[in-house]
Amino acid sequence: EDFLCLDDGDAERLFGGKGELHHAALRSAALSRKSLRASEAVLQSSPDWTRPWPDPEPILRTLSRSASALEYFVTGVEELTSRRKVAVARAKTATEAMAAA
């Protein structure tokens, strides 16, 4: 939503781009859904684990999947943060250009 609010079309007209912020908003929503699914798939502790030692294999698989999901999420956040900074700069430039005109 932040991405879509940053540009009312003035920046796109000024810079000649089309749909970049909409793409970023869609990417953000997809990343959010994927992160939610990954968090729901995390292996939860079990009362059975307090008796004998649990089998480490499922725990290791879960940790590996979780690390991969976290890396994907962090990469996505970095990408979206970068896009947001560019969008803010573009919106500011468009606003200043319109004020100067």
PDB file of N, CA and C in Angstrom:
ATOM      1  N   GLU A   1       0.824  -1.194   0.000  1.00  0.00           N
ATOM      2  CA  GLU A   1       0.000   0.000   0.000  1.00  0.00           C
ATOM      3  C   GLU A   1       0.868   1.258   0.000  1.00  0.00           C
ATOM      4  N   ASP A   2       1.965   1.228   0.749  1.00  0.00           N
ATOM      5  CA  ASP A   2       2.875   2.377   0.757  1.00  0.00           C
ATOM      6  C   ASP A   2       3.356   2.706  -0.645  1.00  0.00           C
ATOM      7  N   PHE A   3       3.669   1.662  -1.412  1.00  0.00           N
ATOM      8  CA  PHE A   3       4.195   1.882  -2.758  1.00  0.00           C
ATOM      9  C   PHE A   3       3.165   2.601  -3.625  1.00  0.00           C
ATOM     10  N   LEU A   4       1.921   2.178  -3.538  1.00  0.00           N
ATOM     11  CA  LEU A   4       0.890   2.768  -4.377  1.00  0.00           C
ATOM     12  C   LEU A   4       0.590   4.205  -3.957  1.00  0.00           C
ATOM     13  N   CYS A   5       0.720   4.514  -2.684  1.00  0.00           N
ATOM     14  CA  CYS A   5       0.467   5.869  -2.194  1.00  0.00           C
ATOM     15  C   CYS A   5       1.587   6.831  -2.571  1.00  0.00           C
ATOM     16  N   LEU A   6       2.756   6.324  -2.873  1.00  0.00           N
ATOM     17  CA  LEU A   6       3.895   7.187  -3.173  1.00  0.00           C
ATOM     18  C   LEU A   6       3.782   7.886  -4.517  1.00  0.00           C
ATOM     19  N   ASP A   7       2.988   7.356  -5.411  1.00  0.00           N
ATOM     20  CA  ASP A   7       2.964   7.916  -6.755  1.00  0.00           C
ATOM     21  C   ASP A   7       1.531   8.029  -7.255  1.00  0.00           C
ATOM     22  N   ASP A   8       1.114   9.230  -7.517  1.00  0.00           N
ATOM     23  CA  ASP A   8      -0.217   9.441  -8.080  1.00  0.00           C
ATOM     24  C   ASP A   8      -0.162   9.555  -9.599  1.00  0.00           C
ATOM     25  N   GLY A   9       0.971   9.208 -10.186  1.00  0.00           N
ATOM     26  CA  GLY A   9       1.140   9.241 -11.626  1.00  0.00           C
ATOM     27  C   GLY A   9       2.092  10.334 -12.090  1.00  0.00           C
ATOM     28  N   ASP A  10       2.302  11.348 -11.256  1.00  0.00           N
ATOM     29  CA  ASP A  10       3.188  12.440 -11.649  1.00  0.00           C
ATOM     30  C   ASP A  10       4.617  11.955 -11.873  1.00  0.00           C
ATOM     31  N   ALA A  11       5.120  11.130 -10.976  1.00  0.00           N
ATOM     32  CA  ALA A  11       6.494  10.628 -11.117  1.00  0.00           C
ATOM     33  C   ALA A  11       6.614   9.725 -12.343  1.00  0.00           C
ATOM     34  N   GLU A  12       5.600   8.915 -12.585  1.00  0.00           N
ATOM     35  CA  GLU A  12       5.655   8.045 -13.762  1.00  0.00           C
ATOM     36  C   GLU A  12       5.667   8.880 -15.047  1.00  0.00           C
ATOM     37  N   ARG A  13       4.884   9.951 -15.070  1.00  0.00           N
ATOM     38  CA  ARG A  13       4.892  10.822 -16.250  1.00  0.00           C
ATOM     39  C   ARG A  13       6.247  11.520 -16.395  1.00  0.00           C
ATOM     40  N   LEU A  14       6.803  11.999 -15.275  1.00  0.00           N
ATOM     41  CA  LEU A  14       8.067  12.727 -15.308  1.00  0.00           C
ATOM     42  C   LEU A  14       9.227  11.823 -15.729  1.00  0.00           C
ATOM     43  N   PHE A  15       9.257  10.601 -15.202  1.00  0.00           N
ATOM     44  CA  PHE A  15      10.374   9.695 -15.459  1.00  0.00           C
ATOM     45  C   PHE A  15      10.099   8.694 -16.577  1.00  0.00           C
ATOM     46  N   GLY A  16       8.873   8.651 -17.056  1.00  0.00           N
ATOM     47  CA  GLY A  16       8.557   7.781 -18.176  1.00  0.00           C
ATOM     48  C   GLY A  16       8.385   6.319 -17.811  1.00  0.00           C
ATOM     49  N   GLY A  17       8.344   5.988 -16.542  1.00  0.00           N
ATOM     50  CA  GLY A  17       8.163   4.593 -16.126  1.00  0.00           C
ATOM     51  C   GLY A  17       6.699   4.241 -16.026  1.00  0.00           C
ATOM     52  N   LYS A  18       6.400   2.992 -16.106  1.00  0.00           N
ATOM     53  CA  LYS A  18       5.016   2.536 -15.975  1.00  0.00           C
ATOM     54  C   LYS A  18       4.960   1.302 -15.097  1.00  0.00           C
ATOM     55  N   GLY A  19       4.156   1.348 -14.056  1.00  0.00           N
ATOM     56  CA  GLY A  19       3.840   0.177 -13.266  1.00  0.00           C
ATOM     57  C   GLY A  19       4.889  -0.323 -12.286  1.00  0.00           C
ATOM     58  N   GLU A  20       5.972   0.410 -12.090  1.00  0.00           N
ATOM     59  CA  GLU A  20       7.023  -0.080 -11.200  1.00  0.00           C
ATOM     60  C   GLU A  20       6.529  -0.204  -9.754  1.00  0.00           C
ATOM     61  N   LEU A  21       5.793   0.794  -9.301  1.00  0.00           N
ATOM     62  CA  LEU A  21       5.309   0.752  -7.919  1.00  0.00           C
ATOM     63  C   LEU A  21       4.224  -0.299  -7.741  1.00  0.00           C
ATOM     64  N   HIS A  22       3.407  -0.485  -8.757  1.00  0.00           N
ATOM     65  CA  HIS A  22       2.392  -1.537  -8.682  1.00  0.00           C
ATOM     66  C   HIS A  22       3.065  -2.900  -8.584  1.00  0.00           C
ATOM     67  N   HIS A  23       4.114  -3.102  -9.369  1.00  0.00           N
ATOM     68  CA  HIS A  23       4.873  -4.358  -9.311  1.00  0.00           C
ATOM     69  C   HIS A  23       5.470  -4.547  -7.912  1.00  0.00           C
ATOM     70  N   ALA A  24       6.014  -3.488  -7.330  1.00  0.00           N
ATOM     71  CA  ALA A  24       6.602  -3.585  -5.993  1.00  0.00           C
ATOM     72  C   ALA A  24       5.534  -3.916  -4.951  1.00  0.00           C
ATOM     73  N   ALA A  25       4.345  -3.335  -5.097  1.00  0.00           N
ATOM     74  CA  ALA A  25       3.258  -3.635  -4.164  1.00  0.00           C
ATOM     75  C   ALA A  25       2.834  -5.097  -4.268  1.00  0.00           C
ATOM     76  N   LEU A  26       2.738  -5.600  -5.492  1.00  0.00           N
ATOM     77  CA  LEU A  26       2.395  -7.017  -5.687  1.00  0.00           C
ATOM     78  C   LEU A  26       3.475  -7.927  -5.111  1.00  0.00           C
ATOM     79  N   ARG A  27       4.741  -7.555  -5.319  1.00  0.00           N
ATOM     80  CA  ARG A  27       5.864  -8.338  -4.793  1.00  0.00           C
ATOM     81  C   ARG A  27       5.821  -8.361  -3.262  1.00  0.00           C
ATOM     82  N   SER A  28       5.490  -7.231  -2.678  1.00  0.00           N
ATOM     83  CA  SER A  28       5.400  -7.134  -1.225  1.00  0.00           C
ATOM     84  C   SER A  28       4.302  -8.046  -0.680  1.00  0.00           C
ATOM     85  N   ALA A  29       3.153  -8.035  -1.324  1.00  0.00           N
ATOM     86  CA  ALA A  29       2.048  -8.889  -0.889  1.00  0.00           C
ATOM     87  C   ALA A  29       2.403 -10.366  -1.031  1.00  0.00           C
ATOM     88  N   ALA A  30       3.050 -10.732  -2.144  1.00  0.00           N
ATOM     89  CA  ALA A  30       3.450 -12.128  -2.353  1.00  0.00           C
ATOM     90  C   ALA A  30       4.475 -12.563  -1.315  1.00  0.00           C
ATOM     91  N   LEU A  31       5.417 -11.684  -1.013  1.00  0.00           N
ATOM     92  CA  LEU A  31       6.429 -11.997  -0.006  1.00  0.00           C
ATOM     93  C   LEU A  31       5.780 -12.199   1.367  1.00  0.00           C
ATOM     94  N   SER A  32       4.810 -11.382   1.675  1.00  0.00           N
ATOM     95  CA  SER A  32       4.101 -11.514   2.943  1.00  0.00           C
ATOM     96  C   SER A  32       3.379 -12.852   3.042  1.00  0.00           C
ATOM     97  N   ARG A  33       2.692 -13.242   1.966  1.00  0.00           N
ATOM     98  CA  ARG A  33       1.982 -14.530   1.973  1.00  0.00           C
ATOM     99  C   ARG A  33       2.957 -15.701   2.100  1.00  0.00           C
ATOM    100  N   LYS A  34       4.057 -15.644   1.355  1.00  0.00           N
ATOM    101  CA  LYS A  34       5.037 -16.733   1.402  1.00  0.00           C
ATOM    102  C   LYS A  34       5.665 -16.830   2.790  1.00  0.00           C
ATOM    103  N   SER A  35       5.932 -15.693   3.417  1.00  0.00           N
ATOM    104  CA  SER A  35       6.512 -15.688   4.765  1.00  0.00           C
ATOM    105  C   SER A  35       5.540 -16.277   5.777  1.00  0.00           C
ATOM    106  N   LEU A  36       4.258 -15.964   5.624  1.00  0.00           N
ATOM    107  CA  LEU A  36       3.250 -16.524   6.523  1.00  0.00           C
ATOM    108  C   LEU A  36       3.198 -18.042   6.384  1.00  0.00           C
ATOM    109  N   ARG A  37       3.201 -18.527   5.143  1.00  0.00           N
ATOM    110  CA  ARG A  37       3.187 -19.985   4.930  1.00  0.00           C
ATOM    111  C   ARG A  37       4.434 -20.641   5.528  1.00  0.00           C
ATOM    112  N   ALA A  38       5.589 -19.997   5.375  1.00  0.00           N
ATOM    113  CA  ALA A  38       6.828 -20.555   5.918  1.00  0.00           C
ATOM    114  C   ALA A  38       6.773 -20.606   7.437  1.00  0.00           C
ATOM    115  N   SER A  39       6.232 -19.567   8.051  1.00  0.00           N
ATOM    116  CA  SER A  39       6.169 -19.559   9.524  1.00  0.00           C
ATOM    117  C   SER A  39       5.194 -20.609  10.037  1.00  0.00           C
ATOM    118  N   GLU A  40       4.134 -20.872   9.274  1.00  0.00           N
ATOM    119  CA  GLU A  40       3.168 -21.900   9.684  1.00  0.00           C
ATOM    120  C   GLU A  40       3.740 -23.306   9.542  1.00  0.00           C
ATOM    121  N   ALA A  41       4.750 -23.473   8.690  1.00  0.00           N
ATOM    122  CA  ALA A  41       5.324 -24.794   8.440  1.00  0.00           C
ATOM    123  C   ALA A  41       6.436 -25.147   9.426  1.00  0.00           C
ATOM    124  N   VAL A  42       6.792 -24.228  10.303  1.00  0.00           N
ATOM    125  CA  VAL A  42       7.874 -24.494  11.257  1.00  0.00           C
ATOM    126  C   VAL A  42       7.454 -25.590  12.231  1.00  0.00           C
ATOM    127  N   LEU A  43       8.322 -26.543  12.398  1.00  0.00           N
ATOM    128  CA  LEU A  43       8.082 -27.655  13.310  1.00  0.00           C
ATOM    129  C   LEU A  43       7.946 -27.117  14.739  1.00  0.00           C
ATOM    130  N   GLN A  44       6.856 -27.466  15.404  1.00  0.00           N
ATOM    131  CA  GLN A  44       6.617 -27.013  16.773  1.00  0.00           C
ATOM    132  C   GLN A  44       7.097 -28.083  17.755  1.00  0.00           C
ATOM    133  N   SER A  45       7.460 -27.623  18.935  1.00  0.00           N
ATOM    134  CA  SER A  45       7.915 -28.585  19.947  1.00  0.00           C
ATOM    135  C   SER A  45       6.761 -29.490  20.354  1.00  0.00           C
ATOM    136  N   SER A  46       7.125 -30.633  20.864  1.00  0.00           N
ATOM    137  CA  SER A  46       6.138 -31.639  21.249  1.00  0.00           C
ATOM    138  C   SER A  46       6.427 -32.100  22.666  1.00  0.00           C
ATOM    139  N   PRO A  47       5.383 -32.378  23.452  1.00  0.00           N
ATOM    140  CA  PRO A  47       5.612 -32.913  24.804  1.00  0.00           C
ATOM    141  C   PRO A  47       6.405 -34.227  24.782  1.00  0.00           C
ATOM    142  N   ASP A  48       6.336 -34.952  23.675  1.00  0.00           N
ATOM    143  CA  ASP A  48       7.080 -36.208  23.556  1.00  0.00           C
ATOM    144  C   ASP A  48       8.589 -35.969  23.605  1.00  0.00           C
ATOM    145  N   TRP A  49       9.008 -34.770  23.297  1.00  0.00           N
ATOM    146  CA  TRP A  49      10.441 -34.486  23.262  1.00  0.00           C
ATOM    147  C   TRP A  49      11.066 -34.491  24.652  1.00  0.00           C
ATOM    148  N   THR A  50      10.277 -34.409  25.684  1.00  0.00           N
ATOM    149  CA  THR A  50      10.834 -34.372  27.042  1.00  0.00           C
ATOM    150  C   THR A  50      11.189 -35.769  27.545  1.00  0.00           C
ATOM    151  N   ARG A  51      10.695 -36.791  26.904  1.00  0.00           N
ATOM    152  CA  ARG A  51      11.002 -38.149  27.339  1.00  0.00           C
ATOM    153  C   ARG A  51      12.304 -38.618  26.716  1.00  0.00           C
ATOM    154  N   PRO A  52      12.267 -39.379  25.650  1.00  0.00           N
ATOM    155  CA  PRO A  52      13.550 -39.716  25.010  1.00  0.00           C
ATOM    156  C   PRO A  52      13.988 -38.556  24.123  1.00  0.00           C
ATOM    157  N   TRP A  53      15.218 -38.609  23.696  1.00  0.00           N
ATOM    158  CA  TRP A  53      15.704 -37.566  22.782  1.00  0.00           C
ATOM    159  C   TRP A  53      14.940 -37.657  21.484  1.00  0.00           C
ATOM    160  N   PRO A  54      14.548 -36.516  20.930  1.00  0.00           N
ATOM    161  CA  PRO A  54      13.820 -36.562  19.661  1.00  0.00           C
ATOM    162  C   PRO A  54      14.759 -36.905  18.511  1.00  0.00           C
ATOM    163  N   ASP A  55      14.179 -37.402  17.458  1.00  0.00           N
ATOM    164  CA  ASP A  55      14.952 -37.678  16.247  1.00  0.00           C
ATOM    165  C   ASP A  55      15.404 -36.333  15.682  1.00  0.00           C
ATOM    166  N   PRO A  56      16.707 -36.113  15.535  1.00  0.00           N
ATOM    167  CA  PRO A  56      17.181 -34.799  15.080  1.00  0.00           C
ATOM    168  C   PRO A  56      16.919 -34.532  13.595  1.00  0.00           C
ATOM    169  N   GLU A  57      16.662 -35.580  12.814  1.00  0.00           N
ATOM    170  CA  GLU A  57      16.498 -35.395  11.367  1.00  0.00           C
ATOM    171  C   GLU A  57      15.364 -34.443  11.002  1.00  0.00           C
ATOM    172  N   PRO A  58      14.138 -34.614  11.534  1.00  0.00           N
ATOM    173  CA  PRO A  58      13.077 -33.666  11.164  1.00  0.00           C
ATOM    174  C   PRO A  58      13.372 -32.250  11.661  1.00  0.00           C
ATOM    175  N   ILE A  59      14.049 -32.156  12.785  1.00  0.00           N
ATOM    176  CA  ILE A  59      14.391 -30.838  13.320  1.00  0.00           C
ATOM    177  C   ILE A  59      15.405 -30.156  12.399  1.00  0.00           C
ATOM    178  N   LEU A  60      16.406 -30.903  11.940  1.00  0.00           N
ATOM    179  CA  LEU A  60      17.401 -30.346  11.027  1.00  0.00           C
ATOM    180  C   LEU A  60      16.785 -29.931   9.701  1.00  0.00           C
ATOM    181  N   ARG A  61      15.856 -30.743   9.174  1.00  0.00           N
ATOM    182  CA  ARG A  61      15.177 -30.384   7.923  1.00  0.00           C
ATOM    183  C   ARG A  61      14.379 -29.094   8.094  1.00  0.00           C
ATOM    184  N   THR A  62      13.686 -28.986   9.221  1.00  0.00           N
ATOM    185  CA  THR A  62      12.898 -27.782   9.486  1.00  0.00           C
ATOM    186  C   THR A  62      13.801 -26.564   9.624  1.00  0.00           C
ATOM    187  N   LEU A  63      14.908 -26.726  10.333  1.00  0.00           N
ATOM    188  CA  LEU A  63      15.835 -25.604  10.483  1.00  0.00           C
ATOM    189  C   LEU A  63      16.406 -25.173   9.135  1.00  0.00           C
ATOM    190  N   SER A  64      16.716 -26.129   8.297  1.00  0.00           N
ATOM    191  CA  SER A  64      17.248 -25.813   6.973  1.00  0.00           C
ATOM    192  C   SER A  64      16.220 -25.076   6.133  1.00  0.00           C
ATOM    193  N   ARG A  65      14.978 -25.581   6.114  1.00  0.00           N
ATOM    194  CA  ARG A  65      13.909 -24.897   5.365  1.00  0.00           C
ATOM    195  C   ARG A  65      13.654 -23.511   5.934  1.00  0.00           C
ATOM    196  N   SER A  66      13.682 -23.396   7.250  1.00  0.00           N
ATOM    197  CA  SER A  66      13.438 -22.104   7.891  1.00  0.00           C
ATOM    198  C   SER A  66      14.538 -21.105   7.568  1.00  0.00           C
ATOM    199  N   ALA A  67      15.780 -21.572   7.546  1.00  0.00           N
ATOM    200  CA  ALA A  67      16.899 -20.688   7.198  1.00  0.00           C
ATOM    201  C   ALA A  67      16.765 -20.210   5.765  1.00  0.00           C
ATOM    202  N   SER A  68      16.373 -21.100   4.867  1.00  0.00           N
ATOM    203  CA  SER A  68      16.180 -20.721   3.462  1.00  0.00           C
ATOM    204  C   SER A  68      15.039 -19.714   3.328  1.00  0.00           C
ATOM    205  N   ALA A  69      13.955 -19.951   4.043  1.00  0.00           N
ATOM    206  CA  ALA A  69      12.817 -19.032   3.991  1.00  0.00           C
ATOM    207  C   ALA A  69      13.194 -17.670   4.555  1.00  0.00           C
ATOM    208  N   LEU A  70      13.974 -17.667   5.621  1.00  0.00           N
ATOM    209  CA  LEU A  70      14.408 -16.410   6.223  1.00  0.00           C
ATOM    210  C   LEU A  70      15.326 -15.643   5.272  1.00  0.00           C
ATOM    211  N   GLU A  71      16.225 -16.355   4.616  1.00  0.00           N
ATOM    212  CA  GLU A  71      17.119 -15.712   3.647  1.00  0.00           C
ATOM    213  C   GLU A  71      16.315 -15.108   2.489  1.00  0.00           C
ATOM    214  N   TYR A  72      15.320 -15.836   2.009  1.00  0.00           N
ATOM    215  CA  TYR A  72      14.451 -15.344   0.946  1.00  0.00           C
ATOM    216  C   TYR A  72      13.719 -14.081   1.409  1.00  0.00           C
ATOM    217  N   PHE A  73      13.209 -14.117   2.627  1.00  0.00           N
ATOM    218  CA  PHE A  73      12.479 -12.978   3.182  1.00  0.00           C
ATOM    219  C   PHE A  73      13.382 -11.755   3.310  1.00  0.00           C
ATOM    220  N   VAL A  74      14.573 -11.931   3.857  1.00  0.00           N
ATOM    221  CA  VAL A  74      15.508 -10.811   4.044  1.00  0.00           C
ATOM    222  C   VAL A  74      15.886 -10.215   2.687  1.00  0.00           C
ATOM    223  N   THR A  75      16.135 -11.062   1.707  1.00  0.00           N
ATOM    224  CA  THR A  75      16.450 -10.574   0.363  1.00  0.00           C
ATOM    225  C   THR A  75      15.280  -9.769  -0.200  1.00  0.00           C
ATOM    226  N   GLY A  76      14.087 -10.263  -0.007  1.00  0.00           N
ATOM    227  CA  GLY A  76      12.894  -9.549  -0.473  1.00  0.00           C
ATOM    228  C   GLY A  76      12.712  -8.215   0.215  1.00  0.00           C
ATOM    229  N   VAL A  77      12.935  -8.182   1.522  1.00  0.00           N
ATOM    230  CA  VAL A  77      12.820  -6.925   2.270  1.00  0.00           C
ATOM    231  C   VAL A  77      13.860  -5.922   1.780  1.00  0.00           C
ATOM    232  N   GLU A  78      15.072  -6.387   1.538  1.00  0.00           N
ATOM    233  CA  GLU A  78      16.120  -5.487   1.033  1.00  0.00           C
ATOM    234  C   GLU A  78      15.727  -4.917  -0.325  1.00  0.00           C
ATOM    235  N   GLU A  79      15.200  -5.775  -1.199  1.00  0.00           N
ATOM    236  CA  GLU A  79      14.778  -5.323  -2.526  1.00  0.00           C
ATOM    237  C   GLU A  79      13.657  -4.293  -2.418  1.00  0.00           C
ATOM    238  N   LEU A  80      12.659  -4.593  -1.588  1.00  0.00           N
ATOM    239  CA  LEU A  80      11.528  -3.677  -1.458  1.00  0.00           C
ATOM    240  C   LEU A  80      11.929  -2.374  -0.774  1.00  0.00           C
ATOM    241  N   THR A  81      12.854  -2.433   0.168  1.00  0.00           N
ATOM    242  CA  THR A  81      13.341  -1.212   0.814  1.00  0.00           C
ATOM    243  C   THR A  81      14.044  -0.329  -0.207  1.00  0.00           C
ATOM    244  N   SER A  82      14.831  -0.937  -1.061  1.00  0.00           N
ATOM    245  CA  SER A  82      15.514  -0.189  -2.106  1.00  0.00           C
ATOM    246  C   SER A  82      14.509   0.445  -3.058  1.00  0.00           C
ATOM    247  N   ARG A  83      13.513  -0.320  -3.468  1.00  0.00           N
ATOM    248  CA  ARG A  83      12.488   0.223  -4.365  1.00  0.00           C
ATOM    249  C   ARG A  83      11.726   1.367  -3.708  1.00  0.00           C
ATOM    250  N   ARG A  84      11.453   1.233  -2.413  1.00  0.00           N
ATOM    251  CA  ARG A  84      10.723   2.283  -1.707  1.00  0.00           C
ATOM    252  C   ARG A  84      11.544   3.569  -1.664  1.00  0.00           C
ATOM    253  N   LYS A  85      12.844   3.454  -1.411  1.00  0.00           N
ATOM    254  CA  LYS A  85      13.704   4.640  -1.386  1.00  0.00           C
ATOM    255  C   LYS A  85      13.694   5.338  -2.742  1.00  0.00           C
ATOM    256  N   VAL A  86      13.768   4.550  -3.809  1.00  0.00           N
ATOM    257  CA  VAL A  86      13.727   5.125  -5.155  1.00  0.00           C
ATOM    258  C   VAL A  86      12.373   5.789  -5.396  1.00  0.00           C
ATOM    259  N   ALA A  87      11.312   5.137  -4.969  1.00  0.00           N
ATOM    260  CA  ALA A  87       9.971   5.693  -5.172  1.00  0.00           C
ATOM    261  C   ALA A  87       9.792   7.005  -4.413  1.00  0.00           C
ATOM    262  N   VAL A  88      10.314   7.065  -3.198  1.00  0.00           N
ATOM    263  CA  VAL A  88      10.226   8.305  -2.415  1.00  0.00           C
ATOM    264  C   VAL A  88      10.996   9.420  -3.117  1.00  0.00           C
ATOM    265  N   ALA A  89      12.186   9.106  -3.619  1.00  0.00           N
ATOM    266  CA  ALA A  89      12.984  10.120  -4.326  1.00  0.00           C
ATOM    267  C   ALA A  89      12.259  10.586  -5.588  1.00  0.00           C
ATOM    268  N   ARG A  90      11.662   9.653  -6.311  1.00  0.00           N
ATOM    269  CA  ARG A  90      10.929  10.018  -7.527  1.00  0.00           C
ATOM    270  C   ARG A  90       9.725  10.886  -7.203  1.00  0.00           C
ATOM    271  N   ALA A  91       8.975  10.511  -6.171  1.00  0.00           N
ATOM    272  CA  ALA A  91       7.799  11.288  -5.788  1.00  0.00           C
ATOM    273  C   ALA A  91       8.200  12.692  -5.342  1.00  0.00           C
ATOM    274  N   LYS A  92       9.292  12.778  -4.590  1.00  0.00           N
ATOM    275  CA  LYS A  92       9.770  14.082  -4.138  1.00  0.00           C
ATOM    276  C   LYS A  92      10.189  14.938  -5.336  1.00  0.00           C
ATOM    277  N   THR A  93      10.907  14.347  -6.278  1.00  0.00           N
ATOM    278  CA  THR A  93      11.335  15.078  -7.466  1.00  0.00           C
ATOM    279  C   THR A  93      10.141  15.538  -8.284  1.00  0.00           C
ATOM    280  N   ALA A  94       9.158  14.673  -8.438  1.00  0.00           N
ATOM    281  CA  ALA A  94       7.955  15.028  -9.204  1.00  0.00           C
ATOM    282  C   ALA A  94       7.216  16.176  -8.529  1.00  0.00           C
ATOM    283  N   THR A  95       7.095  16.129  -7.212  1.00  0.00           N
ATOM    284  CA  THR A  95       6.425  17.188  -6.459  1.00  0.00           C
ATOM    285  C   THR A  95       7.170  18.512  -6.611  1.00  0.00           C
ATOM    286  N   GLU A  96       8.494  18.452  -6.502  1.00  0.00           N
ATOM    287  CA  GLU A  96       9.302  19.668  -6.646  1.00  0.00           C
ATOM    288  C   GLU A  96       9.222  20.217  -8.068  1.00  0.00           C
ATOM    289  N   ALA A  97       9.201  19.325  -9.061  1.00  0.00           N
ATOM    290  CA  ALA A  97       9.101  19.765 -10.453  1.00  0.00           C
ATOM    291  C   ALA A  97       7.760  20.435 -10.722  1.00  0.00           C
ATOM    292  N   MET A  98       6.702  19.881 -10.160  1.00  0.00           N
ATOM    293  CA  MET A  98       5.377  20.480 -10.342  1.00  0.00           C
ATOM    294  C   MET A  98       5.297  21.828  -9.627  1.00  0.00           C
ATOM    295  N   ALA A  99       5.903  21.936  -8.454  1.00  0.00           N
ATOM    296  CA  ALA A  99       5.875  23.192  -7.700  1.00  0.00           C
ATOM    297  C   ALA A  99       6.665  24.283  -8.436  1.00  0.00           C
ATOM    298  N   ALA A 100       7.740  23.881  -9.126  1.00  0.00           N
ATOM    299  CA  ALA A 100       8.577  24.835  -9.848  1.00  0.00           C
ATOM    300  C   ALA A 100       7.937  25.281 -11.162  1.00  0.00           C
ATOM    301  N   ALA A 101       7.008  24.470 -11.661  1.00  0.00           N
ATOM    302  CA  ALA A 101       6.395  24.783 -12.969  1.00  0.00           C
ATOM    303  C   ALA A 101       5.362  25.885 -12.870  1.00  0.00           C
TER     304      ALA A 101
END
